[in-house]
Amino acid sequence: TAYTDLWTSVDDLHTWLDTNRPVDGGEGLLL
């Protein structure tokens, strides 16, 4: 929402991306 804290959103997006990433490890980090 418009009232969501920036860093909460960043953490949520990070978690969502980690859950759905097709490539793990160092290669995933670089991508």
Full PDB file with SEQRES, HELIX, SHEET, SSBOND, CRYST1, ORIGX, SCALE, CONECT and MASTER records, all heavy atoms in Angstrom:
SEQRES   1 A   31  THR ALA TYR THR ASP LEU TRP THR SER VAL ASP ASP LEU          
SEQRES   2 A   31  HIS THR TRP LEU ASP THR ASN ARG PRO VAL ASP GLY GLY          
SEQRES   3 A   31  GLU GLY LEU LEU LEU                                          
HELIX    1 AA1 LEU A    6  ASN A   20  1                                  15    
HELIX    2 AA2 GLY A   25  LEU A   30  1                                   6    
CRYST1    1.000    1.000    1.000  90.00  90.00  90.00 P 1           1          
ORIGX1      1.000000  0.000000  0.000000        0.00000                         
ORIGX2      0.000000  1.000000  0.000000        0.00000                         
ORIGX3      0.000000  0.000000  1.000000        0.00000                         
SCALE1      1.000000  0.000000  0.000000        0.00000                         
SCALE2      0.000000  1.000000  0.000000        0.00000                         
SCALE3      0.000000  0.000000  1.000000        0.00000                         
ATOM      1  N   THR A   1       0.861  -1.177   0.000  1.00  0.00           N  
ATOM      2  CA  THR A   1       0.000   0.000   0.000  1.00  0.00           C  
ATOM      3  C   THR A   1       0.895   1.224   0.000  1.00  0.00           C  
ATOM      4  O   THR A   1       2.111   1.129   0.165  1.00  0.00           O  
ATOM      5  CB  THR A   1      -0.891   0.044   1.253  1.00  0.00           C  
ATOM      6  OG1 THR A   1      -0.070   0.262   2.398  1.00  0.00           O  
ATOM      7  CG2 THR A   1      -1.678  -1.246   1.425  1.00  0.00           C  
ATOM      8  N   ALA A   2       0.277   2.373  -0.171  1.00  0.00           N  
ATOM      9  CA  ALA A   2       1.041   3.621  -0.161  1.00  0.00           C  
ATOM     10  C   ALA A   2       1.701   3.840   1.191  1.00  0.00           C  
ATOM     11  O   ALA A   2       2.653   4.609   1.301  1.00  0.00           O  
ATOM     12  CB  ALA A   2       0.124   4.792  -0.491  1.00  0.00           C  
ATOM     13  N   TYR A   3       1.233   3.157   2.205  1.00  0.00           N  
ATOM     14  CA  TYR A   3       1.748   3.368   3.555  1.00  0.00           C  
ATOM     15  C   TYR A   3       2.782   2.323   3.971  1.00  0.00           C  
ATOM     16  O   TYR A   3       3.257   2.327   5.086  1.00  0.00           O  
ATOM     17  CB  TYR A   3       0.591   3.379   4.558  1.00  0.00           C  
ATOM     18  CG  TYR A   3      -0.429   4.431   4.209  1.00  0.00           C  
ATOM     19  CD1 TYR A   3      -1.630   4.082   3.631  1.00  0.00           C  
ATOM     20  CD2 TYR A   3      -0.160   5.779   4.427  1.00  0.00           C  
ATOM     21  CE1 TYR A   3      -2.571   5.053   3.292  1.00  0.00           C  
ATOM     22  CE2 TYR A   3      -1.084   6.757   4.085  1.00  0.00           C  
ATOM     23  CZ  TYR A   3      -2.278   6.382   3.521  1.00  0.00           C  
ATOM     24  OH  TYR A   3      -3.192   7.345   3.179  1.00  0.00           O  
ATOM     25  N   THR A   4       3.116   1.419   3.065  1.00  0.00           N  
ATOM     26  CA  THR A   4       4.081   0.381   3.380  1.00  0.00           C  
ATOM     27  C   THR A   4       5.472   0.991   3.510  1.00  0.00           C  
ATOM     28  O   THR A   4       5.884   1.805   2.709  1.00  0.00           O  
ATOM     29  CB  THR A   4       4.090  -0.702   2.280  1.00  0.00           C  
ATOM     30  OG1 THR A   4       2.776  -1.232   2.162  1.00  0.00           O  
ATOM     31  CG2 THR A   4       5.059  -1.819   2.621  1.00  0.00           C  
ATOM     32  N   ASP A   5       6.177   0.596   4.527  1.00  0.00           N  
ATOM     33  CA  ASP A   5       7.542   1.055   4.747  1.00  0.00           C  
ATOM     34  C   ASP A   5       8.444   0.582   3.618  1.00  0.00           C  
ATOM     35  O   ASP A   5       8.358  -0.555   3.160  1.00  0.00           O  
ATOM     36  CB  ASP A   5       8.032   0.495   6.091  1.00  0.00           C  
ATOM     37  CG  ASP A   5       9.483   0.796   6.350  1.00  0.00           C  
ATOM     38  OD1 ASP A   5       9.801   1.953   6.670  1.00  0.00           O  
ATOM     39  OD2 ASP A   5      10.293  -0.131   6.222  1.00  0.00           O  
ATOM     40  N   LEU A   6       9.333   1.473   3.160  1.00  0.00           N  
ATOM     41  CA  LEU A   6      10.256   1.155   2.067  1.00  0.00           C  
ATOM     42  C   LEU A   6      11.011  -0.138   2.333  1.00  0.00           C  
ATOM     43  O   LEU A   6      11.056  -1.025   1.480  1.00  0.00           O  
ATOM     44  CB  LEU A   6      11.241   2.318   1.878  1.00  0.00           C  
ATOM     45  CG  LEU A   6      12.413   2.060   0.940  1.00  0.00           C  
ATOM     46  CD1 LEU A   6      11.932   1.998  -0.497  1.00  0.00           C  
ATOM     47  CD2 LEU A   6      13.474   3.125   1.105  1.00  0.00           C  
ATOM     48  N   TRP A   7      11.622  -0.248   3.508  1.00  0.00           N  
ATOM     49  CA  TRP A   7      12.478  -1.405   3.767  1.00  0.00           C  
ATOM     50  C   TRP A   7      11.676  -2.675   3.986  1.00  0.00           C  
ATOM     51  O   TRP A   7      12.153  -3.771   3.691  1.00  0.00           O  
ATOM     52  CB  TRP A   7      13.438  -1.113   4.919  1.00  0.00           C  
ATOM     53  CG  TRP A   7      14.442  -0.107   4.470  1.00  0.00           C  
ATOM     54  CD1 TRP A   7      14.481   1.229   4.773  1.00  0.00           C  
ATOM     55  CD2 TRP A   7      15.523  -0.342   3.567  1.00  0.00           C  
ATOM     56  NE1 TRP A   7      15.526   1.826   4.119  1.00  0.00           N  
ATOM     57  CE2 TRP A   7      16.188   0.897   3.381  1.00  0.00           C  
ATOM     58  CE3 TRP A   7      16.004  -1.461   2.893  1.00  0.00           C  
ATOM     59  CZ2 TRP A   7      17.305   1.032   2.554  1.00  0.00           C  
ATOM     60  CZ3 TRP A   7      17.106  -1.336   2.074  1.00  0.00           C  
ATOM     61  CH2 TRP A   7      17.749  -0.096   1.916  1.00  0.00           C  
ATOM     62  N   THR A   8      10.439  -2.557   4.453  1.00  0.00           N  
ATOM     63  CA  THR A   8       9.569  -3.732   4.540  1.00  0.00           C  
ATOM     64  C   THR A   8       9.280  -4.246   3.134  1.00  0.00           C  
ATOM     65  O   THR A   8       9.334  -5.450   2.867  1.00  0.00           O  
ATOM     66  CB  THR A   8       8.258  -3.386   5.270  1.00  0.00           C  
ATOM     67  OG1 THR A   8       8.571  -2.945   6.589  1.00  0.00           O  
ATOM     68  CG2 THR A   8       7.318  -4.573   5.317  1.00  0.00           C  
ATOM     69  N   SER A   9       9.006  -3.311   2.216  1.00  0.00           N  
ATOM     70  CA  SER A   9       8.760  -3.705   0.823  1.00  0.00           C  
ATOM     71  C   SER A   9      10.000  -4.339   0.206  1.00  0.00           C  
ATOM     72  O   SER A   9       9.893  -5.337  -0.517  1.00  0.00           O  
ATOM     73  CB  SER A   9       8.338  -2.490  -0.004  1.00  0.00           C  
ATOM     74  OG  SER A   9       7.093  -2.007   0.434  1.00  0.00           O  
ATOM     75  N   VAL A  10      11.174  -3.767   0.467  1.00  0.00           N  
ATOM     76  CA  VAL A  10      12.416  -4.334  -0.058  1.00  0.00           C  
ATOM     77  C   VAL A  10      12.605  -5.754   0.474  1.00  0.00           C  
ATOM     78  O   VAL A  10      12.937  -6.673  -0.286  1.00  0.00           O  
ATOM     79  CB  VAL A  10      13.627  -3.437   0.276  1.00  0.00           C  
ATOM     80  CG1 VAL A  10      14.942  -4.148  -0.014  1.00  0.00           C  
ATOM     81  CG2 VAL A  10      13.548  -2.117  -0.492  1.00  0.00           C  
ATOM     82  N   ASP A  11      12.390  -5.947   1.776  1.00  0.00           N  
ATOM     83  CA  ASP A  11      12.506  -7.291   2.353  1.00  0.00           C  
ATOM     84  C   ASP A  11      11.493  -8.251   1.731  1.00  0.00           C  
ATOM     85  O   ASP A  11      11.824  -9.401   1.416  1.00  0.00           O  
ATOM     86  CB  ASP A  11      12.317  -7.241   3.869  1.00  0.00           C  
ATOM     87  CG  ASP A  11      13.515  -6.691   4.604  1.00  0.00           C  
ATOM     88  OD1 ASP A  11      14.639  -6.712   4.046  1.00  0.00           O  
ATOM     89  OD2 ASP A  11      13.342  -6.229   5.751  1.00  0.00           O  
ATOM     90  N   ASP A  12      10.259  -7.778   1.545  1.00  0.00           N  
ATOM     91  CA  ASP A  12       9.225  -8.628   0.945  1.00  0.00           C  
ATOM     92  C   ASP A  12       9.587  -9.018  -0.486  1.00  0.00           C  
ATOM     93  O   ASP A  12       9.434 -10.176  -0.884  1.00  0.00           O  
ATOM     94  CB  ASP A  12       7.869  -7.911   0.938  1.00  0.00           C  
ATOM     95  CG  ASP A  12       7.254  -7.785   2.325  1.00  0.00           C  
ATOM     96  OD1 ASP A  12       7.725  -8.451   3.268  1.00  0.00           O  
ATOM     97  OD2 ASP A  12       6.287  -7.001   2.448  1.00  0.00           O  
ATOM     98  N   LEU A  13      10.059  -8.053  -1.262  1.00  0.00           N  
ATOM     99  CA  LEU A  13      10.455  -8.343  -2.648  1.00  0.00           C  
ATOM    100  C   LEU A  13      11.640  -9.305  -2.687  1.00  0.00           C  
ATOM    101  O   LEU A  13      11.679 -10.221  -3.518  1.00  0.00           O  
ATOM    102  CB  LEU A  13      10.773  -7.052  -3.396  1.00  0.00           C  
ATOM    103  CG  LEU A  13       9.562  -6.183  -3.726  1.00  0.00           C  
ATOM    104  CD1 LEU A  13      10.002  -4.794  -4.166  1.00  0.00           C  
ATOM    105  CD2 LEU A  13       8.701  -6.855  -4.790  1.00  0.00           C  
ATOM    106  N   HIS A  14      12.592  -9.108  -1.780  1.00  0.00           N  
ATOM    107  CA  HIS A  14      13.751 -10.007  -1.701  1.00  0.00           C  
ATOM    108  C   HIS A  14      13.296 -11.434  -1.413  1.00  0.00           C  
ATOM    109  O   HIS A  14      13.731 -12.387  -2.080  1.00  0.00           O  
ATOM    110  CB  HIS A  14      14.706  -9.503  -0.611  1.00  0.00           C  
ATOM    111  CG  HIS A  14      15.784 -10.459  -0.284  1.00  0.00           C  
ATOM    112  ND1 HIS A  14      15.723 -11.293   0.819  1.00  0.00           N  
ATOM    113  CD2 HIS A  14      16.945 -10.743  -0.910  1.00  0.00           C  
ATOM    114  CE1 HIS A  14      16.806 -12.033   0.852  1.00  0.00           C  
ATOM    115  NE2 HIS A  14      17.558 -11.726  -0.177  1.00  0.00           N  
ATOM    116  N   THR A  15      12.415 -11.580  -0.456  1.00  0.00           N  
ATOM    117  CA  THR A  15      11.902 -12.908  -0.097  1.00  0.00           C  
ATOM    118  C   THR A  15      11.145 -13.522  -1.272  1.00  0.00           C  
ATOM    119  O   THR A  15      11.330 -14.706  -1.597  1.00  0.00           O  
ATOM    120  CB  THR A  15      10.990 -12.816   1.141  1.00  0.00           C  
ATOM    121  OG1 THR A  15      11.756 -12.300   2.226  1.00  0.00           O  
ATOM    122  CG2 THR A  15      10.413 -14.167   1.510  1.00  0.00           C  
ATOM    123  N   TRP A  16      10.292 -12.732  -1.910  1.00  0.00           N  
ATOM    124  CA  TRP A  16       9.516 -13.214  -3.050  1.00  0.00           C  
ATOM    125  C   TRP A  16      10.438 -13.656  -4.182  1.00  0.00           C  
ATOM    126  O   TRP A  16      10.242 -14.722  -4.770  1.00  0.00           O  
ATOM    127  CB  TRP A  16       8.558 -12.110  -3.512  1.00  0.00           C  
ATOM    128  CG  TRP A  16       7.783 -12.460  -4.742  1.00  0.00           C  
ATOM    129  CD1 TRP A  16       6.769 -13.378  -4.838  1.00  0.00           C  
ATOM    130  CD2 TRP A  16       7.965 -11.913  -6.038  1.00  0.00           C  
ATOM    131  NE1 TRP A  16       6.314 -13.420  -6.142  1.00  0.00           N  
ATOM    132  CE2 TRP A  16       7.032 -12.520  -6.900  1.00  0.00           C  
ATOM    133  CE3 TRP A  16       8.817 -10.947  -6.564  1.00  0.00           C  
ATOM    134  CZ2 TRP A  16       6.931 -12.210  -8.243  1.00  0.00           C  
ATOM    135  CZ3 TRP A  16       8.712 -10.632  -7.907  1.00  0.00           C  
ATOM    136  CH2 TRP A  16       7.781 -11.264  -8.723  1.00  0.00           C  
ATOM    137  N   LEU A  17      11.456 -12.856  -4.476  1.00  0.00           N  
ATOM    138  CA  LEU A  17      12.400 -13.221  -5.539  1.00  0.00           C  
ATOM    139  C   LEU A  17      13.191 -14.475  -5.176  1.00  0.00           C  
ATOM    140  O   LEU A  17      13.417 -15.338  -6.030  1.00  0.00           O  
ATOM    141  CB  LEU A  17      13.352 -12.068  -5.837  1.00  0.00           C  
ATOM    142  CG  LEU A  17      12.741 -10.912  -6.612  1.00  0.00           C  
ATOM    143  CD1 LEU A  17      13.677  -9.715  -6.607  1.00  0.00           C  
ATOM    144  CD2 LEU A  17      12.400 -11.334  -8.032  1.00  0.00           C  
ATOM    145  N   ASP A  18      13.624 -14.576  -3.915  1.00  0.00           N  
ATOM    146  CA  ASP A  18      14.366 -15.768  -3.498  1.00  0.00           C  
ATOM    147  C   ASP A  18      13.503 -17.025  -3.613  1.00  0.00           C  
ATOM    148  O   ASP A  18      13.995 -18.091  -3.969  1.00  0.00           O  
ATOM    149  CB  ASP A  18      14.870 -15.614  -2.060  1.00  0.00           C  
ATOM    150  CG  ASP A  18      16.224 -14.937  -1.991  1.00  0.00           C  
ATOM    151  OD1 ASP A  18      16.787 -14.592  -3.056  1.00  0.00           O  
ATOM    152  OD2 ASP A  18      16.720 -14.741  -0.872  1.00  0.00           O  
ATOM    153  N   THR A  19      12.230 -16.892  -3.315  1.00  0.00           N  
ATOM    154  CA  THR A  19      11.312 -18.025  -3.399  1.00  0.00           C  
ATOM    155  C   THR A  19      11.111 -18.464  -4.847  1.00  0.00           C  
ATOM    156  O   THR A  19      10.885 -19.641  -5.116  1.00  0.00           O  
ATOM    157  CB  THR A  19       9.949 -17.650  -2.774  1.00  0.00           C  
ATOM    158  OG1 THR A  19      10.158 -17.266  -1.421  1.00  0.00           O  
ATOM    159  CG2 THR A  19       8.965 -18.804  -2.823  1.00  0.00           C  
ATOM    160  N   ASN A  20      11.208 -17.527  -5.773  1.00  0.00           N  
ATOM    161  CA  ASN A  20      10.878 -17.800  -7.168  1.00  0.00           C  
ATOM    162  C   ASN A  20      12.069 -17.753  -8.120  1.00  0.00           C  
ATOM    163  O   ASN A  20      11.879 -17.734  -9.331  1.00  0.00           O  
ATOM    164  CB  ASN A  20       9.817 -16.796  -7.634  1.00  0.00           C  
ATOM    165  CG  ASN A  20       8.518 -17.006  -6.919  1.00  0.00           C  
ATOM    166  OD1 ASN A  20       7.799 -17.949  -7.189  1.00  0.00           O  
ATOM    167  ND2 ASN A  20       8.227 -16.143  -5.966  1.00  0.00           N  
ATOM    168  N   ARG A  21      13.268 -17.739  -7.606  1.00  0.00           N  
ATOM    169  CA  ARG A  21      14.421 -17.617  -8.506  1.00  0.00           C  
ATOM    170  C   ARG A  21      14.718 -18.952  -9.193  1.00  0.00           C  
ATOM    171  O   ARG A  21      14.725 -20.007  -8.560  1.00  0.00           O  
ATOM    172  CB  ARG A  21      15.652 -17.103  -7.765  1.00  0.00           C  
ATOM    173  CG  ARG A  21      16.210 -18.064  -6.766  1.00  0.00           C  
ATOM    174  CD  ARG A  21      17.466 -17.524  -6.138  1.00  0.00           C  
ATOM    175  NE  ARG A  21      17.736 -18.315  -4.951  1.00  0.00           N  
ATOM    176  CZ  ARG A  21      18.332 -17.864  -3.901  1.00  0.00           C  
ATOM    177  NH1 ARG A  21      18.751 -16.630  -3.858  1.00  0.00           N  
ATOM    178  NH2 ARG A  21      18.534 -18.639  -2.862  1.00  0.00           N  
ATOM    179  N   PRO A  22      14.982 -18.869 -10.495  1.00  0.00           N  
ATOM    180  CA  PRO A  22      15.276 -20.096 -11.227  1.00  0.00           C  
ATOM    181  C   PRO A  22      16.730 -20.543 -11.071  1.00  0.00           C  
ATOM    182  O   PRO A  22      17.038 -21.700 -11.323  1.00  0.00           O  
ATOM    183  CB  PRO A  22      14.983 -19.723 -12.687  1.00  0.00           C  
ATOM    184  CG  PRO A  22      15.148 -18.250 -12.731  1.00  0.00           C  
ATOM    185  CD  PRO A  22      14.810 -17.723 -11.363  1.00  0.00           C  
ATOM    186  N   VAL A  23      17.620 -19.629 -10.638  1.00  0.00           N  
ATOM    187  CA  VAL A  23      19.044 -19.942 -10.522  1.00  0.00           C  
ATOM    188  C   VAL A  23      19.507 -19.579  -9.114  1.00  0.00           C  
ATOM    189  O   VAL A  23      19.273 -18.463  -8.642  1.00  0.00           O  
ATOM    190  CB  VAL A  23      19.872 -19.162 -11.571  1.00  0.00           C  
ATOM    191  CG1 VAL A  23      21.350 -19.478 -11.431  1.00  0.00           C  
ATOM    192  CG2 VAL A  23      19.382 -19.456 -12.979  1.00  0.00           C  
ATOM    193  N   ASP A  24      20.176 -20.516  -8.436  1.00  0.00           N  
ATOM    194  CA  ASP A  24      20.657 -20.291  -7.076  1.00  0.00           C  
ATOM    195  C   ASP A  24      22.142 -19.971  -7.062  1.00  0.00           C  
ATOM    196  O   ASP A  24      22.817 -19.984  -8.088  1.00  0.00           O  
ATOM    197  CB  ASP A  24      20.429 -21.556  -6.221  1.00  0.00           C  
ATOM    198  CG  ASP A  24      18.970 -21.773  -5.891  1.00  0.00           C  
ATOM    199  OD1 ASP A  24      18.239 -20.781  -5.764  1.00  0.00           O  
ATOM    200  OD2 ASP A  24      18.576 -22.949  -5.757  1.00  0.00           O  
ATOM    201  N   GLY A  25      22.636 -19.726  -5.865  1.00  0.00           N  
ATOM    202  CA  GLY A  25      24.070 -19.578  -5.647  1.00  0.00           C  
ATOM    203  C   GLY A  25      24.649 -18.308  -6.231  1.00  0.00           C  
ATOM    204  O   GLY A  25      23.968 -17.313  -6.436  1.00  0.00           O  
ATOM    205  N   GLY A  26      25.948 -18.377  -6.507  1.00  0.00           N  
ATOM    206  CA  GLY A  26      26.683 -17.225  -7.013  1.00  0.00           C  
ATOM    207  C   GLY A  26      26.155 -16.719  -8.335  1.00  0.00           C  
ATOM    208  O   GLY A  26      26.100 -15.509  -8.583  1.00  0.00           O  
ATOM    209  N   GLU A  27      25.745 -17.636  -9.191  1.00  0.00           N  
ATOM    210  CA  GLU A  27      25.205 -17.227 -10.486  1.00  0.00           C  
ATOM    211  C   GLU A  27      23.894 -16.454 -10.303  1.00  0.00           C  
ATOM    212  O   GLU A  27      23.654 -15.436 -10.963  1.00  0.00           O  
ATOM    213  CB  GLU A  27      24.985 -18.443 -11.379  1.00  0.00           C  
ATOM    214  CG  GLU A  27      24.577 -18.073 -12.785  1.00  0.00           C  
ATOM    215  CD  GLU A  27      24.414 -19.296 -13.683  1.00  0.00           C  
ATOM    216  OE1 GLU A  27      24.680 -20.438 -13.251  1.00  0.00           O  
ATOM    217  OE2 GLU A  27      24.006 -19.086 -14.837  1.00  0.00           O  
ATOM    218  N   GLY A  28      23.057 -16.904  -9.396  1.00  0.00           N  
ATOM    219  CA  GLY A  28      21.800 -16.205  -9.109  1.00  0.00           C  
ATOM    220  C   GLY A  28      22.051 -14.806  -8.561  1.00  0.00           C  
ATOM    221  O   GLY A  28      21.348 -13.853  -8.923  1.00  0.00           O  
ATOM    222  N   LEU A  29      23.057 -14.698  -7.702  1.00  0.00           N  
ATOM    223  CA  LEU A  29      23.425 -13.390  -7.158  1.00  0.00           C  
ATOM    224  C   LEU A  29      23.877 -12.448  -8.273  1.00  0.00           C  
ATOM    225  O   LEU A  29      23.436 -11.301  -8.354  1.00  0.00           O  
ATOM    226  CB  LEU A  29      24.540 -13.547  -6.119  1.00  0.00           C  
ATOM    227  CG  LEU A  29      25.159 -12.264  -5.589  1.00  0.00           C  
ATOM    228  CD1 LEU A  29      24.143 -11.441  -4.823  1.00  0.00           C  
ATOM    229  CD2 LEU A  29      26.356 -12.598  -4.716  1.00  0.00           C  
ATOM    230  N   LEU A  30      24.752 -12.942  -9.153  1.00  0.00           N  
ATOM    231  CA  LEU A  30      25.221 -12.113 -10.262  1.00  0.00           C  
ATOM    232  C   LEU A  30      24.075 -11.691 -11.179  1.00  0.00           C  
ATOM    233  O   LEU A  30      24.016 -10.543 -11.621  1.00  0.00           O  
ATOM    234  CB  LEU A  30      26.281 -12.863 -11.070  1.00  0.00           C  
ATOM    235  CG  LEU A  30      27.608 -13.101 -10.356  1.00  0.00           C  
ATOM    236  CD1 LEU A  30      28.517 -13.967 -11.217  1.00  0.00           C  
ATOM    237  CD2 LEU A  30      28.286 -11.795 -10.000  1.00  0.00           C  
ATOM    238  N   LEU A  31      23.155 -12.602 -11.444  1.00  0.00           N  
ATOM    239  CA  LEU A  31      22.021 -12.272 -12.303  1.00  0.00           C  
ATOM    240  C   LEU A  31      21.129 -11.208 -11.667  1.00  0.00           C  
ATOM    241  O   LEU A  31      20.625 -10.318 -12.358  1.00  0.00           O  
ATOM    242  CB  LEU A  31      21.214 -13.528 -12.629  1.00  0.00           C  
ATOM    243  CG  LEU A  31      21.920 -14.505 -13.564  1.00  0.00           C  
ATOM    244  CD1 LEU A  31      21.158 -15.824 -13.637  1.00  0.00           C  
ATOM    245  CD2 LEU A  31      22.088 -13.900 -14.940  1.00  0.00           C  
TER     246      LEU A  31                                                      
MASTER        0    0    0    2    0    0    0    6  245    1    0    3          
END                                                                             
